[in-house]
Amino acid sequence: MEELKRSITQYGQVIGTQVLKVDGFLNHRLDVRLLAQMGKDVYEHFSDCDVDEIVTIEASGIGYAVLTAQFFNCPVVFAKKKGARNQAEGVYTAHVHSFTHGNDNVVAVDKRYIRSGDKVLIMDDFLAYGEAVRGLLSICEQAGAEVVGVACAIEKGFQGGGDALRAQGVNLYSQAIVDRMDEHEIVFRD
């Protein structure tokens, strides 16, 4: 998506060759106009799919998912990091390693919110090694839900998660794929 690539180039900050900070428009301060355009683009890409709900992980994927859900007219369910005091016992869980934070989490979704037969679109802001997506795929599988696709705003193609998911047959749509980057340039896949 060209508008997203422009924002990444203009406002993104590369740290080393592995970290891309886009907190000025995607995952700390939200550019709602851009997110709405991204949501419409995801909707158009998956318009031939029935989507009962969008599933993401707290916290950075929530804004992206919500602005996409308005086009599908469906709810958003987000996996919570396990351990909250108000969390119910009846949950689906998955272990997820966060590349961004460098830690492991157990994420959970209440069993009332994903049911057998539901058609789910998984969304996340970043795709690096694919750990978050794999965790959400596991939760959907536990629930007996059908994952119709996965949408990611930014895929770091050089970290291999997207290629591995595609090789497994996942219907993955990444709006911007970064093939390589350093402090001087960001190179996108065509």
Protein backbone atom coordinates (compact mmCIF):
# COMPACT_ATOMS: atom_id res chain seq x y z
CA MET A 1 0.00 0.00 0.00
CA GLU A 2 1.71 3.14 -1.24
CA GLU A 3 0.37 5.56 1.39
CA LEU A 4 1.68 3.30 4.17
CA LYS A 5 5.07 2.99 2.46
CA ARG A 6 5.27 6.79 2.20
CA SER A 7 4.53 7.14 5.93
CA ILE A 8 7.14 4.51 6.79
CA THR A 9 9.75 6.28 4.65
CA GLN A 10 8.86 9.75 5.93
CA TYR A 11 8.21 9.08 9.62
CA GLY A 12 9.69 5.66 10.41
CA GLN A 13 12.92 5.41 12.35
CA VAL A 14 15.30 2.53 11.69
CA ILE A 15 17.41 1.34 14.61
CA GLY A 16 20.27 -0.87 13.43
CA THR A 17 19.04 -3.24 10.73
CA GLN A 18 16.29 -5.05 12.66
CA VAL A 19 14.04 -2.49 14.38
CA LEU A 20 11.63 -0.13 12.62
CA LYS A 21 9.90 2.42 14.86
CA VAL A 22 6.59 3.67 13.51
CA ASP A 23 5.15 4.88 16.79
CA GLY A 24 4.40 8.31 15.32
CA PHE A 25 1.55 6.97 13.19
CA LEU A 26 0.85 3.26 13.77
CA ASN A 27 1.38 1.93 17.26
CA HIS A 28 1.65 4.72 19.82
CA ARG A 29 0.25 7.84 18.19
CA LEU A 30 -2.38 6.71 15.68
CA ASP A 31 -2.91 8.42 12.33
CA VAL A 32 -6.61 7.61 12.10
CA ARG A 33 -6.89 8.81 8.50
CA LEU A 34 -4.09 6.47 7.42
CA LEU A 35 -5.48 3.60 9.52
CA ALA A 36 -8.90 4.04 7.89
CA GLN A 37 -7.28 3.88 4.44
CA MET A 38 -5.39 0.78 5.50
CA GLY A 39 -8.60 -0.76 6.84
CA LYS A 40 -10.40 -0.11 3.57
CA ASP A 41 -7.49 -1.66 1.67
CA VAL A 42 -7.63 -4.80 3.84
CA TYR A 43 -11.40 -4.96 3.34
CA GLU A 44 -11.00 -4.73 -0.43
CA HIS A 45 -8.32 -7.43 -0.39
CA PHE A 46 -10.49 -9.85 1.60
CA SER A 47 -13.85 -8.74 0.17
CA ASP A 48 -14.55 -12.23 -1.19
CA CYS A 49 -14.27 -13.70 2.33
CA ASP A 50 -16.99 -13.88 4.95
CA VAL A 51 -15.56 -12.44 8.17
CA ASP A 52 -17.42 -12.93 11.46
CA GLU A 53 -14.74 -11.26 13.58
CA ILE A 54 -11.25 -9.85 13.50
CA VAL A 55 -8.72 -11.21 16.02
CA THR A 56 -5.54 -9.40 17.09
CA ILE A 57 -3.18 -9.17 20.08
CA GLU A 58 -3.11 -6.32 22.58
CA ALA A 59 -2.11 -3.59 22.29
CA SER A 60 -0.59 -2.31 19.06
CA GLY A 61 -2.87 -4.18 16.67
CA ILE A 62 -6.11 -2.94 18.22
CA GLY A 63 -6.43 0.44 16.46
CA TYR A 64 -5.58 -1.12 13.09
CA ALA A 65 -8.11 -3.90 13.65
CA VAL A 66 -10.91 -1.59 14.83
CA LEU A 67 -10.63 0.73 11.85
CA THR A 68 -10.70 -2.31 9.56
CA ALA A 69 -13.67 -3.90 11.34
CA GLN A 70 -15.90 -0.96 10.46
CA PHE A 71 -15.72 -2.03 6.80
CA PHE A 72 -16.52 -5.67 7.58
CA ASN A 73 -19.20 -4.61 10.10
CA CYS A 74 -17.88 -7.15 12.60
CA PRO A 75 -16.49 -7.17 16.14
CA VAL A 76 -12.82 -7.17 17.11
CA VAL A 77 -11.48 -9.66 19.64
CA PHE A 78 -8.02 -9.10 21.06
CA ALA A 79 -5.90 -11.65 22.84
CA LYS A 80 -4.89 -10.40 26.27
CA LYS A 81 -1.63 -11.06 27.98
CA LYS A 82 -2.55 -13.67 30.56
CA GLY A 83 -2.50 -12.73 34.19
CA ALA A 84 -5.06 -9.94 34.40
CA ARG A 85 -7.16 -10.27 37.56
CA ASN A 86 -10.42 -9.84 35.67
CA GLN A 87 -9.67 -12.66 33.23
CA ALA A 88 -12.10 -15.57 33.15
CA GLU A 89 -11.00 -19.18 33.58
CA GLY A 90 -12.56 -20.38 30.31
CA VAL A 91 -9.95 -19.16 27.85
CA TYR A 92 -7.97 -20.36 24.86
CA THR A 93 -4.25 -19.70 25.34
CA ALA A 94 -1.06 -19.64 23.31
CA HIS A 95 2.60 -18.94 24.05
CA VAL A 96 3.95 -16.01 22.03
CA HIS A 97 7.47 -14.59 21.84
CA SER A 98 7.57 -10.84 21.20
CA PHE A 99 10.44 -9.77 18.94
CA THR A 100 9.73 -6.12 19.78
CA HIS A 101 9.82 -6.56 23.55
CA GLY A 102 12.20 -9.54 23.65
CA ASN A 103 10.02 -11.54 26.02
CA ASP A 104 7.58 -14.44 26.12
CA ASN A 105 3.90 -14.08 26.95
CA VAL A 106 0.91 -16.31 27.32
CA VAL A 107 -1.99 -14.67 25.51
CA ALA A 108 -5.60 -15.61 26.06
CA VAL A 109 -9.03 -15.16 24.49
CA ASP A 110 -12.25 -15.85 26.37
CA LYS A 111 -13.97 -18.91 24.91
CA ARG A 112 -17.22 -16.93 24.57
CA TYR A 113 -15.71 -14.69 21.90
CA ILE A 114 -14.37 -17.20 19.34
CA ARG A 115 -16.60 -20.15 18.55
CA SER A 116 -16.46 -23.21 16.37
CA GLY A 117 -17.31 -22.34 12.80
CA ASP A 118 -16.54 -18.62 13.13
CA LYS A 119 -14.74 -17.11 10.14
CA VAL A 120 -11.81 -15.10 11.46
CA LEU A 121 -9.47 -12.52 9.96
CA ILE A 122 -6.27 -12.22 12.01
CA MET A 123 -4.58 -8.81 12.05
CA ASP A 124 -1.39 -7.39 13.54
CA ASP A 125 0.68 -4.26 13.07
CA PHE A 126 4.01 -6.05 12.50
CA LEU A 127 5.08 -9.43 11.20
CA ALA A 128 8.69 -10.38 11.95
CA TYR A 129 9.21 -14.06 12.71
CA GLY A 130 5.47 -14.79 12.78
CA GLU A 131 5.20 -15.69 16.46
CA ALA A 132 2.15 -13.54 17.21
CA VAL A 133 0.30 -14.80 14.14
CA ARG A 134 1.14 -18.41 15.01
CA GLY A 135 -0.22 -17.86 18.51
CA LEU A 136 -3.47 -16.46 17.13
CA LEU A 137 -3.71 -19.31 14.61
CA SER A 138 -3.37 -21.73 17.54
CA ILE A 139 -6.14 -20.00 19.48
CA CYS A 140 -8.45 -20.10 16.46
CA GLU A 141 -7.64 -23.78 15.92
CA GLN A 142 -8.42 -24.55 19.57
CA ALA A 143 -11.79 -22.83 19.12
CA GLY A 144 -12.57 -24.66 15.89
CA ALA A 145 -12.75 -21.35 14.01
CA GLU A 146 -11.80 -20.98 10.36
CA VAL A 147 -9.05 -18.45 9.63
CA VAL A 148 -9.93 -16.90 6.27
CA GLY A 149 -6.81 -14.75 6.18
CA VAL A 150 -4.12 -12.79 7.96
CA ALA A 151 -3.47 -9.07 7.40
CA CYS A 152 -0.34 -7.31 8.63
CA ALA A 153 0.47 -3.67 8.20
CA ILE A 154 4.25 -4.10 7.99
CA GLU A 155 6.09 -7.33 7.28
CA LYS A 156 9.83 -7.44 7.84
CA GLY A 157 10.47 -9.80 4.94
CA PHE A 158 14.11 -10.33 5.88
CA GLN A 159 13.06 -12.03 9.14
CA GLY A 160 11.22 -14.82 7.33
CA GLY A 161 7.95 -15.07 9.24
CA GLY A 162 5.78 -14.13 6.28
CA ASP A 163 7.49 -16.54 3.92
CA ALA A 164 7.11 -19.38 6.45
CA LEU A 165 3.39 -18.64 6.94
CA ARG A 166 2.81 -18.51 3.18
CA ALA A 167 4.64 -21.85 2.81
CA GLN A 168 2.18 -23.30 5.36
CA GLY A 169 -0.72 -22.17 3.17
CA VAL A 170 -1.76 -19.14 5.22
CA ASN A 171 -3.65 -16.53 3.15
CA LEU A 172 -1.37 -13.64 4.17
CA TYR A 173 -1.70 -10.05 3.01
CA SER A 174 1.02 -7.61 4.09
CA GLN A 175 0.43 -3.99 3.16
CA ALA A 176 4.14 -3.12 3.14
CA ILE A 177 6.98 -5.64 3.04
CA VAL A 178 10.42 -4.35 4.04
CA ASP A 179 13.15 -6.45 2.41
CA ARG A 180 16.04 -4.63 4.07
CA MET A 181 16.71 -1.47 5.99
CA ASP A 182 19.37 0.56 7.72
CA GLU A 183 19.68 4.13 8.98
CA HIS A 184 20.02 5.39 5.39
CA GLU A 185 17.36 3.50 3.46
CA ILE A 186 14.31 1.28 3.63
CA VAL A 187 13.86 -1.09 0.68
CA PHE A 188 10.36 -2.41 0.04
CA ARG A 189 9.44 -5.57 -1.83
CA ASP A 190 7.42 -4.90 -4.98
